[in-house]
Amino acid sequence: EINFIYMIFFLPLLFIFPALSLFKNHY
């Protein structure tokens, strides 16, 4: 349970990939 809560705070790093894909034509 603790590990799952802690890993939630790593989500901003995971969101980088969708952000790069979303703005792939806007450097």
PDB file of all heavy atoms in Angstrom:
ATOM      1  N   GLU A   1       0.830  -1.211   0.000  1.00  0.00           N
ATOM      2  CA  GLU A   1       0.000   0.000   0.000  1.00  0.00           C
ATOM      3  C   GLU A   1       0.863   1.260   0.000  1.00  0.00           C
ATOM      4  O   GLU A   1       0.600   2.212  -0.762  1.00  0.00           O
ATOM      5  CB  GLU A   1      -0.913  -0.012   1.235  1.00  0.00           C
ATOM      6  CG  GLU A   1      -1.831   1.196   1.342  1.00  0.00           C
ATOM      7  CD  GLU A   1      -2.672   1.175   2.609  1.00  0.00           C
ATOM      8  OE1 GLU A   1      -2.651   0.160   3.335  1.00  0.00           O
ATOM      9  OE2 GLU A   1      -3.350   2.191   2.869  1.00  0.00           O
ATOM     10  N   ILE A   2       1.904   1.272   0.828  1.00  0.00           N
ATOM     11  CA  ILE A   2       2.788   2.439   0.914  1.00  0.00           C
ATOM     12  C   ILE A   2       3.512   2.658  -0.405  1.00  0.00           C
ATOM     13  O   ILE A   2       3.633   3.793  -0.890  1.00  0.00           O
ATOM     14  CB  ILE A   2       3.806   2.249   2.057  1.00  0.00           C
ATOM     15  CG1 ILE A   2       3.088   2.200   3.407  1.00  0.00           C
ATOM     16  CG2 ILE A   2       4.836   3.380   2.054  1.00  0.00           C
ATOM     17  CD1 ILE A   2       3.943   1.665   4.531  1.00  0.00           C
ATOM     18  N   ASN A   3       4.005   1.572  -0.994  1.00  0.00           N
ATOM     19  CA  ASN A   3       4.720   1.681  -2.263  1.00  0.00           C
ATOM     20  C   ASN A   3       3.813   2.262  -3.348  1.00  0.00           C
ATOM     21  O   ASN A   3       4.228   3.120  -4.131  1.00  0.00           O
ATOM     22  CB  ASN A   3       5.233   0.316  -2.693  1.00  0.00           C
ATOM     23  CG  ASN A   3       6.278   0.404  -3.786  1.00  0.00           C
ATOM     24  OD1 ASN A   3       7.474   0.338  -3.519  1.00  0.00           O
ATOM     25  ND2 ASN A   3       5.845   0.551  -5.035  1.00  0.00           N
ATOM     26  N   PHE A   4       2.562   1.812  -3.374  1.00  0.00           N
ATOM     27  CA  PHE A   4       1.620   2.303  -4.384  1.00  0.00           C
ATOM     28  C   PHE A   4       1.379   3.809  -4.211  1.00  0.00           C
ATOM     29  O   PHE A   4       1.364   4.561  -5.191  1.00  0.00           O
ATOM     30  CB  PHE A   4       0.300   1.543  -4.282  1.00  0.00           C
ATOM     31  CG  PHE A   4      -0.687   1.913  -5.350  1.00  0.00           C
ATOM     32  CD1 PHE A   4      -0.555   1.425  -6.635  1.00  0.00           C
ATOM     33  CD2 PHE A   4      -1.743   2.766  -5.063  1.00  0.00           C
ATOM     34  CE1 PHE A   4      -1.457   1.770  -7.628  1.00  0.00           C
ATOM     35  CE2 PHE A   4      -2.650   3.125  -6.044  1.00  0.00           C
ATOM     36  CZ  PHE A   4      -2.514   2.620  -7.330  1.00  0.00           C
ATOM     37  N   ILE A   5       1.217   4.250  -2.962  1.00  0.00           N
ATOM     38  CA  ILE A   5       1.021   5.683  -2.701  1.00  0.00           C
ATOM     39  C   ILE A   5       2.242   6.473  -3.145  1.00  0.00           C
ATOM     40  O   ILE A   5       2.138   7.521  -3.796  1.00  0.00           O
ATOM     41  CB  ILE A   5       0.746   5.931  -1.203  1.00  0.00           C
ATOM     42  CG1 ILE A   5      -0.552   5.241  -0.775  1.00  0.00           C
ATOM     43  CG2 ILE A   5       0.671   7.427  -0.906  1.00  0.00           C
ATOM     44  CD1 ILE A   5      -0.782   5.252   0.726  1.00  0.00           C
ATOM     45  N   TYR A   6       3.421   5.961  -2.810  1.00  0.00           N
ATOM     46  CA  TYR A   6       4.667   6.658  -3.136  1.00  0.00           C
ATOM     47  C   TYR A   6       4.865   6.780  -4.646  1.00  0.00           C
ATOM     48  O   TYR A   6       5.300   7.827  -5.140  1.00  0.00           O
ATOM     49  CB  TYR A   6       5.836   5.904  -2.504  1.00  0.00           C
ATOM     50  CG  TYR A   6       7.177   6.574  -2.653  1.00  0.00           C
ATOM     51  CD1 TYR A   6       7.461   7.766  -1.990  1.00  0.00           C
ATOM     52  CD2 TYR A   6       8.179   6.012  -3.455  1.00  0.00           C
ATOM     53  CE1 TYR A   6       8.695   8.374  -2.117  1.00  0.00           C
ATOM     54  CE2 TYR A   6       9.411   6.616  -3.583  1.00  0.00           C
ATOM     55  CZ  TYR A   6       9.672   7.793  -2.916  1.00  0.00           C
ATOM     56  OH  TYR A   6      10.904   8.399  -3.048  1.00  0.00           O
ATOM     57  N   MET A   7       4.529   5.724  -5.377  1.00  0.00           N
ATOM     58  CA  MET A   7       4.759   5.741  -6.817  1.00  0.00           C
ATOM     59  C   MET A   7       3.832   6.700  -7.547  1.00  0.00           C
ATOM     60  O   MET A   7       4.110   7.095  -8.681  1.00  0.00           O
ATOM     61  CB  MET A   7       4.592   4.331  -7.393  1.00  0.00           C
ATOM     62  CG  MET A   7       5.632   3.324  -6.917  1.00  0.00           C
ATOM     63  SD  MET A   7       7.345   3.899  -7.075  1.00  0.00           S
ATOM     64  CE  MET A   7       7.500   4.046  -8.853  1.00  0.00           C
ATOM     65  N   ILE A   8       2.742   7.105  -6.896  1.00  0.00           N
ATOM     66  CA  ILE A   8       1.856   8.106  -7.505  1.00  0.00           C
ATOM     67  C   ILE A   8       2.624   9.400  -7.784  1.00  0.00           C
ATOM     68  O   ILE A   8       2.357  10.102  -8.768  1.00  0.00           O
ATOM     69  CB  ILE A   8       0.641   8.375  -6.590  1.00  0.00           C
ATOM     70  CG1 ILE A   8      -0.275   7.134  -6.562  1.00  0.00           C
ATOM     71  CG2 ILE A   8      -0.143   9.601  -7.051  1.00  0.00           C
ATOM     72  CD1 ILE A   8      -1.426   7.247  -5.588  1.00  0.00           C
ATOM     73  N   PHE A   9       3.607   9.695  -6.933  1.00  0.00           N
ATOM     74  CA  PHE A   9       4.366  10.939  -7.080  1.00  0.00           C
ATOM     75  C   PHE A   9       5.384  10.866  -8.219  1.00  0.00           C
ATOM     76  O   PHE A   9       6.063  11.856  -8.497  1.00  0.00           O
ATOM     77  CB  PHE A   9       5.053  11.283  -5.749  1.00  0.00           C
ATOM     78  CG  PHE A   9       4.078  11.645  -4.670  1.00  0.00           C
ATOM     79  CD1 PHE A   9       3.542  10.673  -3.847  1.00  0.00           C
ATOM     80  CD2 PHE A   9       3.668  12.951  -4.493  1.00  0.00           C
ATOM     81  CE1 PHE A   9       2.622  10.988  -2.851  1.00  0.00           C
ATOM     82  CE2 PHE A   9       2.751  13.287  -3.509  1.00  0.00           C
ATOM     83  CZ  PHE A   9       2.220  12.305  -2.689  1.00  0.00           C
ATOM     84  N   PHE A  10       5.498   9.706  -8.874  1.00  0.00           N
ATOM     85  CA  PHE A  10       6.343   9.580 -10.062  1.00  0.00           C
ATOM     86  C   PHE A  10       5.550   9.811 -11.345  1.00  0.00           C
ATOM     87  O   PHE A  10       6.133   9.799 -12.436  1.00  0.00           O
ATOM     88  CB  PHE A  10       6.991   8.188 -10.105  1.00  0.00           C
ATOM     89  CG  PHE A  10       8.157   8.034  -9.182  1.00  0.00           C
ATOM     90  CD1 PHE A  10       7.968   7.820  -7.827  1.00  0.00           C
ATOM     91  CD2 PHE A  10       9.461   8.118  -9.654  1.00  0.00           C
ATOM     92  CE1 PHE A  10       9.039   7.667  -6.967  1.00  0.00           C
ATOM     93  CE2 PHE A  10      10.550   7.978  -8.802  1.00  0.00           C
ATOM     94  CZ  PHE A  10      10.339   7.748  -7.452  1.00  0.00           C
ATOM     95  N   LEU A  11       4.244  10.023 -11.217  1.00  0.00           N
ATOM     96  CA  LEU A  11       3.412  10.222 -12.407  1.00  0.00           C
ATOM     97  C   LEU A  11       3.847  11.408 -13.267  1.00  0.00           C
ATOM     98  O   LEU A  11       3.755  11.335 -14.505  1.00  0.00           O
ATOM     99  CB  LEU A  11       1.944  10.369 -12.000  1.00  0.00           C
ATOM    100  CG  LEU A  11       1.264   9.089 -11.512  1.00  0.00           C
ATOM    101  CD1 LEU A  11      -0.177   9.371 -11.101  1.00  0.00           C
ATOM    102  CD2 LEU A  11       1.296   8.009 -12.592  1.00  0.00           C
ATOM    103  N   PRO A  12       4.321  12.541 -12.663  1.00  0.00           N
ATOM    104  CA  PRO A  12       4.779  13.636 -13.543  1.00  0.00           C
ATOM    105  C   PRO A  12       5.852  13.207 -14.540  1.00  0.00           C
ATOM    106  O   PRO A  12       5.872  13.705 -15.672  1.00  0.00           O
ATOM    107  CB  PRO A  12       5.329  14.662 -12.536  1.00  0.00           C
ATOM    108  CG  PRO A  12       4.531  14.439 -11.295  1.00  0.00           C
ATOM    109  CD  PRO A  12       4.313  12.946 -11.249  1.00  0.00           C
ATOM    110  N   LEU A  13       6.717  12.268 -14.144  1.00  0.00           N
ATOM    111  CA  LEU A  13       7.736  11.787 -15.079  1.00  0.00           C
ATOM    112  C   LEU A  13       7.102  10.977 -16.203  1.00  0.00           C
ATOM    113  O   LEU A  13       7.539  11.060 -17.362  1.00  0.00           O
ATOM    114  CB  LEU A  13       8.772  10.937 -14.338  1.00  0.00           C
ATOM    115  CG  LEU A  13       9.633  11.659 -13.295  1.00  0.00           C
ATOM    116  CD1 LEU A  13      10.640  10.697 -12.694  1.00  0.00           C
ATOM    117  CD2 LEU A  13      10.351  12.865 -13.902  1.00  0.00           C
ATOM    118  N   LEU A  14       6.077  10.188 -15.880  1.00  0.00           N
ATOM    119  CA  LEU A  14       5.403   9.393 -16.910  1.00  0.00           C
ATOM    120  C   LEU A  14       4.628  10.274 -17.880  1.00  0.00           C
ATOM    121  O   LEU A  14       4.482   9.948 -19.059  1.00  0.00           O
ATOM    122  CB  LEU A  14       4.458   8.372 -16.257  1.00  0.00           C
ATOM    123  CG  LEU A  14       5.117   7.264 -15.443  1.00  0.00           C
ATOM    124  CD1 LEU A  14       4.062   6.334 -14.868  1.00  0.00           C
ATOM    125  CD2 LEU A  14       6.111   6.475 -16.289  1.00  0.00           C
ATOM    126  N   PHE A  15       4.128  11.402 -17.376  1.00  0.00           N
ATOM    127  CA  PHE A  15       3.340  12.300 -18.232  1.00  0.00           C
ATOM    128  C   PHE A  15       4.217  13.023 -19.265  1.00  0.00           C
ATOM    129  O   PHE A  15       3.691  13.652 -20.188  1.00  0.00           O
ATOM    130  CB  PHE A  15       2.607  13.340 -17.384  1.00  0.00           C
ATOM    131  CG  PHE A  15       1.453  12.759 -16.599  1.00  0.00           C
ATOM    132  CD1 PHE A  15       1.048  13.343 -15.407  1.00  0.00           C
ATOM    133  CD2 PHE A  15       0.788  11.636 -17.046  1.00  0.00           C
ATOM    134  CE1 PHE A  15      -0.018  12.815 -14.680  1.00  0.00           C
ATOM    135  CE2 PHE A  15      -0.260  11.096 -16.335  1.00  0.00           C
ATOM    136  CZ  PHE A  15      -0.671  11.689 -15.154  1.00  0.00           C
ATOM    137  N   ILE A  16       5.534  12.947 -19.102  1.00  0.00           N
ATOM    138  CA  ILE A  16       6.421  13.597 -20.073  1.00  0.00           C
ATOM    139  C   ILE A  16       6.248  12.995 -21.465  1.00  0.00           C
ATOM    140  O   ILE A  16       6.218  13.715 -22.470  1.00  0.00           O
ATOM    141  CB  ILE A  16       7.893  13.480 -19.610  1.00  0.00           C
ATOM    142  CG1 ILE A  16       8.117  14.330 -18.363  1.00  0.00           C
ATOM    143  CG2 ILE A  16       8.840  13.928 -20.723  1.00  0.00           C
ATOM    144  CD1 ILE A  16       9.507  14.187 -17.775  1.00  0.00           C
ATOM    145  N   PHE A  17       6.100  11.675 -21.532  1.00  0.00           N
ATOM    146  CA  PHE A  17       5.989  11.007 -22.839  1.00  0.00           C
ATOM    147  C   PHE A  17       4.717  11.406 -23.584  1.00  0.00           C
ATOM    148  O   PHE A  17       4.771  11.726 -24.784  1.00  0.00           O
ATOM    149  CB  PHE A  17       6.079   9.495 -22.648  1.00  0.00           C
ATOM    150  CG  PHE A  17       7.377   9.050 -22.021  1.00  0.00           C
ATOM    151  CD1 PHE A  17       7.428   8.710 -20.675  1.00  0.00           C
ATOM    152  CD2 PHE A  17       8.539   9.014 -22.767  1.00  0.00           C
ATOM    153  CE1 PHE A  17       8.624   8.311 -20.097  1.00  0.00           C
ATOM    154  CE2 PHE A  17       9.735   8.621 -22.204  1.00  0.00           C
ATOM    155  CZ  PHE A  17       9.783   8.274 -20.856  1.00  0.00           C
ATOM    156  N   PRO A  18       3.545  11.430 -22.919  1.00  0.00           N
ATOM    157  CA  PRO A  18       2.357  11.938 -23.621  1.00  0.00           C
ATOM    158  C   PRO A  18       2.498  13.399 -24.020  1.00  0.00           C
ATOM    159  O   PRO A  18       2.004  13.805 -25.092  1.00  0.00           O
ATOM    160  CB  PRO A  18       1.232  11.763 -22.595  1.00  0.00           C
ATOM    161  CG  PRO A  18       1.712  10.681 -21.683  1.00  0.00           C
ATOM    162  CD  PRO A  18       3.193  10.857 -21.605  1.00  0.00           C
ATOM    163  N   ALA A  19       3.192  14.193 -23.175  1.00  0.00           N
ATOM    164  CA  ALA A  19       3.370  15.613 -23.503  1.00  0.00           C
ATOM    165  C   ALA A  19       4.232  15.775 -24.752  1.00  0.00           C
ATOM    166  O   ALA A  19       3.928  16.597 -25.633  1.00  0.00           O
ATOM    167  CB  ALA A  19       4.007  16.343 -22.323  1.00  0.00           C
ATOM    168  N   LEU A  20       5.302  14.987 -24.843  1.00  0.00           N
ATOM    169  CA  LEU A  20       6.167  15.059 -26.030  1.00  0.00           C
ATOM    170  C   LEU A  20       5.416  14.619 -27.283  1.00  0.00           C
ATOM    171  O   LEU A  20       5.610  15.171 -28.371  1.00  0.00           O
ATOM    172  CB  LEU A  20       7.410  14.194 -25.820  1.00  0.00           C
ATOM    173  CG  LEU A  20       8.405  14.678 -24.765  1.00  0.00           C
ATOM    174  CD1 LEU A  20       9.520  13.657 -24.576  1.00  0.00           C
ATOM    175  CD2 LEU A  20       8.982  16.040 -25.149  1.00  0.00           C
ATOM    176  N   SER A  21       4.562  13.614 -27.112  1.00  0.00           N
ATOM    177  CA  SER A  21       3.770  13.138 -28.252  1.00  0.00           C
ATOM    178  C   SER A  21       2.730  14.173 -28.663  1.00  0.00           C
ATOM    179  O   SER A  21       2.490  14.386 -29.865  1.00  0.00           O
ATOM    180  CB  SER A  21       3.090  11.818 -27.885  1.00  0.00           C
ATOM    181  OG  SER A  21       2.268  11.365 -28.935  1.00  0.00           O
ATOM    182  N   LEU A  22       2.123  14.815 -27.669  1.00  0.00           N
ATOM    183  CA  LEU A  22       1.077  15.804 -27.948  1.00  0.00           C
ATOM    184  C   LEU A  22       1.633  17.024 -28.679  1.00  0.00           C
ATOM    185  O   LEU A  22       0.996  17.576 -29.587  1.00  0.00           O
ATOM    186  CB  LEU A  22       0.412  16.224 -26.635  1.00  0.00           C
ATOM    187  CG  LEU A  22      -0.704  17.262 -26.723  1.00  0.00           C
ATOM    188  CD1 LEU A  22      -1.893  16.702 -27.512  1.00  0.00           C
ATOM    189  CD2 LEU A  22      -1.162  17.677 -25.316  1.00  0.00           C
ATOM    190  N   PHE A  23       2.844  17.448 -28.264  1.00  0.00           N
ATOM    191  CA  PHE A  23       3.446  18.654 -28.858  1.00  0.00           C
ATOM    192  C   PHE A  23       4.628  18.308 -29.768  1.00  0.00           C
ATOM    193  O   PHE A  23       5.608  19.051 -29.826  1.00  0.00           O
ATOM    194  CB  PHE A  23       3.927  19.595 -27.741  1.00  0.00           C
ATOM    195  CG  PHE A  23       2.844  20.066 -26.822  1.00  0.00           C
ATOM    196  CD1 PHE A  23       2.798  19.638 -25.501  1.00  0.00           C
ATOM    197  CD2 PHE A  23       1.853  20.931 -27.273  1.00  0.00           C
ATOM    198  CE1 PHE A  23       1.803  20.074 -24.644  1.00  0.00           C
ATOM    199  CE2 PHE A  23       0.853  21.373 -26.415  1.00  0.00           C
ATOM    200  CZ  PHE A  23       0.821  20.934 -25.096  1.00  0.00           C
ATOM    201  N   LYS A  24       4.523  17.180 -30.470  1.00  0.00           N
ATOM    202  CA  LYS A  24       5.652  16.731 -31.294  1.00  0.00           C
ATOM    203  C   LYS A  24       5.977  17.707 -32.423  1.00  0.00           C
ATOM    204  O   LYS A  24       7.106  17.741 -32.923  1.00  0.00           O
ATOM    205  CB  LYS A  24       5.370  15.338 -31.854  1.00  0.00           C
ATOM    206  CG  LYS A  24       4.135  15.247 -32.738  1.00  0.00           C
ATOM    207  CD  LYS A  24       3.919  13.811 -33.190  1.00  0.00           C
ATOM    208  CE  LYS A  24       2.661  13.680 -34.052  1.00  0.00           C
ATOM    209  NZ  LYS A  24       2.441  12.273 -34.478  1.00  0.00           N
ATOM    210  N   ASN A  25       5.009  18.504 -32.836  1.00  0.00           N
ATOM    211  CA  ASN A  25       5.252  19.489 -33.900  1.00  0.00           C
ATOM    212  C   ASN A  25       5.517  20.882 -33.353  1.00  0.00           C
ATOM    213  O   ASN A  25       5.644  21.837 -34.115  1.00  0.00           O
ATOM    214  CB  ASN A  25       4.054  19.534 -34.854  1.00  0.00           C
ATOM    215  CG  ASN A  25       3.852  18.206 -35.570  1.00  0.00           C
ATOM    216  OD1 ASN A  25       4.824  17.529 -35.925  1.00  0.00           O
ATOM    217  ND2 ASN A  25       2.596  17.824 -35.770  1.00  0.00           N
ATOM    218  N   HIS A  26       5.584  20.995 -32.011  1.00  0.00           N
ATOM    219  CA  HIS A  26       5.834  22.298 -31.385  1.00  0.00           C
ATOM    220  C   HIS A  26       6.966  22.109 -30.367  1.00  0.00           C
ATOM    221  O   HIS A  26       6.731  21.731 -29.220  1.00  0.00           O
ATOM    222  CB  HIS A  26       4.576  22.833 -30.695  1.00  0.00           C
ATOM    223  CG  HIS A  26       3.407  22.993 -31.615  1.00  0.00           C
ATOM    224  ND1 HIS A  26       2.586  21.941 -31.964  1.00  0.00           N
ATOM    225  CD2 HIS A  26       2.936  24.094 -32.278  1.00  0.00           C
ATOM    226  CE1 HIS A  26       1.638  22.382 -32.779  1.00  0.00           C
ATOM    227  NE2 HIS A  26       1.834  23.677 -32.992  1.00  0.00           N
ATOM    228  N   TYR A  27       8.191  22.355 -30.814  1.00  0.00           N
ATOM    229  CA  TYR A  27       9.386  22.059 -30.008  1.00  0.00           C
ATOM    230  C   TYR A  27       9.360  22.784 -28.660  1.00  0.00           C
ATOM    231  O   TYR A  27       9.573  22.174 -27.599  1.00  0.00           O
ATOM    232  CB  TYR A  27      10.630  22.447 -30.791  1.00  0.00           C
ATOM    233  CG  TYR A  27      11.908  22.272 -29.996  1.00  0.00           C
ATOM    234  CD1 TYR A  27      12.485  21.012 -29.838  1.00  0.00           C
ATOM    235  CD2 TYR A  27      12.524  23.374 -29.401  1.00  0.00           C
ATOM    236  CE1 TYR A  27      13.652  20.853 -29.102  1.00  0.00           C
ATOM    237  CE2 TYR A  27      13.691  23.224 -28.668  1.00  0.00           C
ATOM    238  CZ  TYR A  27      14.249  21.959 -28.515  1.00  0.00           C
ATOM    239  OH  TYR A  27      15.394  21.808 -27.777  1.00  0.00           O
TER     240      TYR A  27
END
